Amino acid sequence: MTLLETADMLADVLGIENVYAGCIDANKDKCIGVYASKNTYPKKISIGGKPCTKTLEKHISVLIHWTDNPTTAESAANEILDKLTDVHGYTAGGHTVGFLSCSEAHNAGRDERGICEYVIDVTVYYERSN
């Protein structure tokens, strides 16, 4: 599952048009960026190797870039978190997403234009395609 497929899934699930993979449009007051996680995780392969591995993980960070009002931004981040935790059995890019494991939304401060930003760390659990 690619970062772009993940961003497309989030755009559909969240009903938000301005979702970007690997970047954001900092000129917009409301958008979401989907990035590969900065943390490293071991690749999990079942005993018996790849043919026996049915579920894979994709670790991402979701940057919520949302208005200059901190209360509005925090509310939006929590609404997005609620929608992400409701994802089950979604098909994206030929993969079936079992569920998303999400951290709490944490404040990442403001950008140079004063737009509030929140980050949610997400692990996407999806079925391996053959």
Protein backbone atom coordinates (compact mmCIF):
# COMPACT_ATOMS: atom_id res chain seq x y z
CA MET A 1 0.00 0.00 0.00
CA THR A 2 1.55 3.28 -1.07
CA LEU A 3 1.45 6.64 0.66
CA LEU A 4 -0.68 8.01 -2.20
CA GLU A 5 -3.19 5.16 -1.84
CA THR A 6 -3.33 5.87 1.88
CA ALA A 7 -3.90 9.60 1.28
CA ASP A 8 -6.66 8.82 -1.24
CA MET A 9 -8.34 6.52 1.29
CA LEU A 10 -8.22 9.23 3.97
CA ALA A 11 -9.64 11.83 1.56
CA ASP A 12 -12.56 9.50 0.85
CA VAL A 13 -13.13 8.45 4.48
CA LEU A 14 -12.88 12.00 5.80
CA GLY A 15 -14.79 13.61 2.94
CA ILE A 16 -12.04 16.21 2.57
CA GLU A 17 -10.74 17.26 -0.84
CA ASN A 18 -7.41 18.76 0.22
CA VAL A 19 -5.50 15.66 1.36
CA TYR A 20 -1.93 15.40 0.12
CA ALA A 21 0.71 12.64 0.18
CA GLY A 22 4.14 13.70 1.40
CA CYS A 23 3.38 17.43 1.58
CA ILE A 24 0.71 20.05 2.20
CA ASP A 25 -0.36 23.18 0.38
CA ALA A 26 0.67 25.68 3.06
CA ASN A 27 -1.30 28.40 1.25
CA LYS A 28 -4.56 26.70 2.23
CA ASP A 29 -6.10 27.31 5.64
CA LYS A 30 -7.49 23.76 5.83
CA CYS A 31 -5.69 20.71 4.47
CA ILE A 32 -4.23 17.39 5.54
CA GLY A 33 -0.82 15.93 4.79
CA VAL A 34 -0.07 12.22 4.95
CA TYR A 35 3.58 11.38 5.60
CA ALA A 36 5.59 8.22 6.14
CA SER A 37 6.26 7.85 9.85
CA LYS A 38 9.59 9.24 11.04
CA ASN A 39 9.84 6.31 13.45
CA THR A 40 11.23 3.02 12.23
CA TYR A 41 9.43 -0.24 12.87
CA PRO A 42 10.54 -3.80 12.17
CA LYS A 43 8.78 -5.44 9.24
CA LYS A 44 6.55 -8.18 10.63
CA ILE A 45 6.62 -11.44 8.70
CA SER A 46 4.85 -14.56 9.95
CA ILE A 47 6.72 -17.73 10.78
CA GLY A 48 6.73 -19.57 7.47
CA GLY A 49 7.67 -16.47 5.52
CA LYS A 50 5.89 -14.13 3.20
CA PRO A 51 3.38 -16.67 1.83
CA CYS A 52 2.03 -17.15 5.37
CA THR A 53 1.84 -13.41 6.10
CA LYS A 54 -1.70 -12.20 5.52
CA THR A 55 -1.65 -8.76 7.19
CA LEU A 56 0.85 -5.93 6.71
CA GLU A 57 1.31 -2.61 8.46
CA LYS A 58 1.87 0.91 7.11
CA HIS A 59 3.00 3.53 9.63
CA ILE A 60 2.02 7.10 8.76
CA SER A 61 1.70 10.52 10.34
CA VAL A 62 -1.37 12.60 9.53
CA LEU A 63 -0.73 16.36 9.72
CA ILE A 64 -3.90 18.38 10.21
CA HIS A 65 -3.24 21.97 9.05
CA TRP A 66 -6.39 23.78 10.15
CA THR A 67 -7.16 27.51 10.57
CA ASP A 68 -5.56 30.04 12.87
CA ASN A 69 -8.12 29.34 15.61
CA PRO A 70 -6.71 26.81 18.13
CA THR A 71 -10.14 25.70 19.37
CA THR A 72 -11.40 25.06 15.83
CA ALA A 73 -8.18 23.21 14.94
CA GLU A 74 -8.36 20.99 18.02
CA SER A 75 -12.03 20.19 17.36
CA ALA A 76 -11.23 19.30 13.74
CA ALA A 77 -8.33 17.08 14.84
CA ASN A 78 -10.57 15.21 17.27
CA GLU A 79 -13.32 14.78 14.65
CA ILE A 80 -10.76 13.42 12.20
CA LEU A 81 -9.42 11.05 14.88
CA ASP A 82 -12.97 9.75 15.50
CA LYS A 83 -13.47 9.09 11.78
CA LEU A 84 -10.10 7.33 11.45
CA THR A 85 -10.81 4.98 14.35
CA ASP A 86 -14.11 3.99 12.66
CA VAL A 87 -12.38 2.66 9.51
CA HIS A 88 -12.92 -1.11 9.12
CA GLY A 89 -12.94 -3.23 5.97
CA TYR A 90 -12.21 -0.36 3.57
CA THR A 91 -10.81 -1.29 0.15
CA ALA A 92 -8.08 1.02 -1.18
CA GLY A 93 -5.72 0.45 -4.07
CA GLY A 94 -6.55 -3.25 -4.22
CA HIS A 95 -5.91 -3.70 -0.49
CA THR A 96 -8.50 -4.28 2.21
CA VAL A 97 -7.80 -2.18 5.28
CA GLY A 98 -8.72 -4.08 8.43
CA PHE A 99 -8.47 -1.14 10.80
CA LEU A 100 -6.41 1.89 11.81
CA SER A 101 -4.64 2.16 15.16
CA CYS A 102 -4.31 5.85 16.04
CA SER A 103 -2.54 7.93 18.65
CA GLU A 104 -4.29 10.86 20.25
CA ALA A 105 -4.05 14.06 18.21
CA HIS A 106 -1.15 16.12 19.53
CA ASN A 107 -0.47 19.79 18.98
CA ALA A 108 2.43 20.43 16.59
CA GLY A 109 2.27 24.20 17.01
CA ARG A 110 1.72 26.73 14.24
CA ASP A 111 3.28 27.16 10.83
CA GLU A 112 4.90 30.41 9.67
CA ARG A 113 1.48 31.80 8.65
CA GLY A 114 0.03 31.10 12.11
CA ILE A 115 -2.07 28.11 11.00
CA CYS A 116 -2.56 25.56 13.81
CA GLU A 117 -1.29 22.05 13.19
CA TYR A 118 -2.03 18.74 14.88
CA VAL A 119 -0.50 15.31 14.22
CA ILE A 120 -2.04 11.85 14.55
CA ASP A 121 0.28 8.84 14.28
CA VAL A 122 -1.50 5.98 12.53
CA THR A 123 -0.76 2.33 11.84
CA VAL A 124 -2.77 1.00 8.90
CA TYR A 125 -3.39 -2.76 9.11
CA TYR A 126 -4.22 -4.15 5.68
CA GLU A 127 -4.41 -7.47 3.86
CA ARG A 128 -1.44 -8.35 1.71
CA SER A 129 -2.28 -8.65 -1.97
CA ASN A 130 -0.81 -11.60 -3.87
